[in-house]
């Protein structure tokens, strides 16, 4: 199968990491919120890239996408 955009699977993960760093640098994340969001990120990355089945990988991608959307919305509404 020809994959036209091989980097698309990494897009949500990279967006989440960048947004977490951005929000932490401007002081928007508290200690507990930071731990919860980083845990969510790590769980989603593990499911997405190391999941034993395609269903687990799809769930991980969904979690990753929801996290990225949440972080972008949080950044936009706090500015």
Protein backbone atom coordinates (compact mmCIF):
# COMPACT_ATOMS: atom_id res chain seq x y z
CA UNK A 1 0.00 0.00 0.00
CA UNK A 2 1.31 3.42 -0.95
CA UNK A 3 1.34 5.87 1.91
CA UNK A 4 1.01 9.40 0.56
CA UNK A 5 1.57 11.25 3.82
CA UNK A 6 3.66 9.09 6.17
CA UNK A 7 4.08 11.91 8.68
CA UNK A 8 0.35 12.34 9.35
CA UNK A 9 0.44 9.77 12.16
CA UNK A 10 3.02 11.92 13.96
CA UNK A 11 1.20 15.22 13.43
CA UNK A 12 -1.14 15.02 16.44
CA UNK A 13 1.67 13.83 18.73
CA UNK A 14 4.03 16.61 17.65
CA UNK A 15 1.28 19.20 18.00
CA UNK A 16 0.52 18.00 21.52
CA UNK A 17 4.17 18.12 22.55
CA UNK A 18 4.66 21.62 21.12
CA UNK A 19 1.49 22.92 22.76
CA UNK A 20 2.39 21.40 26.12
CA UNK A 21 5.80 23.08 25.98
CA UNK A 22 4.21 26.38 24.95
CA UNK A 23 1.58 26.30 27.69
CA UNK A 24 4.18 25.32 30.30
CA UNK A 25 6.50 28.13 29.21
CA UNK A 26 3.80 30.79 29.63
CA UNK A 27 2.81 29.37 33.02
CA UNK A 28 -0.62 28.15 31.98
CA UNK A 29 -0.19 24.60 33.33
CA UNK A 30 -0.29 23.91 37.03
CA UNK A 31 1.60 20.97 38.54
CA UNK A 32 -1.40 18.62 38.63
CA UNK A 33 -2.72 19.70 35.23
CA UNK A 34 0.71 19.23 33.70
CA UNK A 35 1.03 15.73 35.12
CA UNK A 36 -2.42 14.75 33.87
CA UNK A 37 -1.84 16.12 30.36
CA UNK A 38 1.64 14.57 30.04
CA UNK A 39 0.21 11.23 31.25
CA UNK A 40 -2.55 11.52 28.66
CA UNK A 41 0.08 12.24 26.00
CA UNK A 42 2.23 9.27 26.96
CA UNK A 43 -0.75 6.88 27.11
CA UNK A 44 -1.98 8.03 23.71
CA UNK A 45 1.49 7.73 22.14
CA UNK A 46 1.92 4.25 23.58
CA UNK A 47 -1.47 3.12 22.30
CA UNK A 48 -0.98 4.77 18.91
CA UNK A 49 2.49 3.48 18.09
CA UNK A 50 2.89 0.35 20.21
CA UNK A 51 -0.69 -0.95 20.29
CA UNK A 52 -1.05 -4.67 19.63
CA UNK A 53 -4.05 -4.26 17.35
CA UNK A 54 -5.27 -1.68 14.85
CA UNK A 55 -8.19 -0.84 17.15
CA UNK A 56 -5.83 0.13 19.99
CA UNK A 57 -3.76 2.19 17.55
CA UNK A 58 -6.90 3.96 16.33
CA UNK A 59 -7.96 4.69 19.92
CA UNK A 60 -4.48 6.11 20.59
CA UNK A 61 -4.72 8.32 17.51
CA UNK A 62 -8.15 9.51 18.62
CA UNK A 63 -6.88 10.33 22.11
CA UNK A 64 -3.89 12.12 20.61
CA UNK A 65 -6.10 14.17 18.30
CA UNK A 66 -8.50 15.12 21.11
CA UNK A 67 -5.55 16.18 23.27
CA UNK A 68 -4.08 18.33 20.48
CA UNK A 69 -7.43 20.02 19.85
CA UNK A 70 -7.93 20.64 23.58
CA UNK A 71 -4.46 22.17 23.97
CA UNK A 72 -4.90 24.43 20.93
CA UNK A 73 -8.31 25.58 22.17
CA UNK A 74 -6.92 26.19 25.66
CA UNK A 75 -4.09 28.26 24.22
CA UNK A 76 -6.42 30.28 21.98
CA UNK A 77 -8.94 31.05 24.72
CA UNK A 78 -6.34 32.08 27.30
CA UNK A 79 -4.62 34.59 25.04
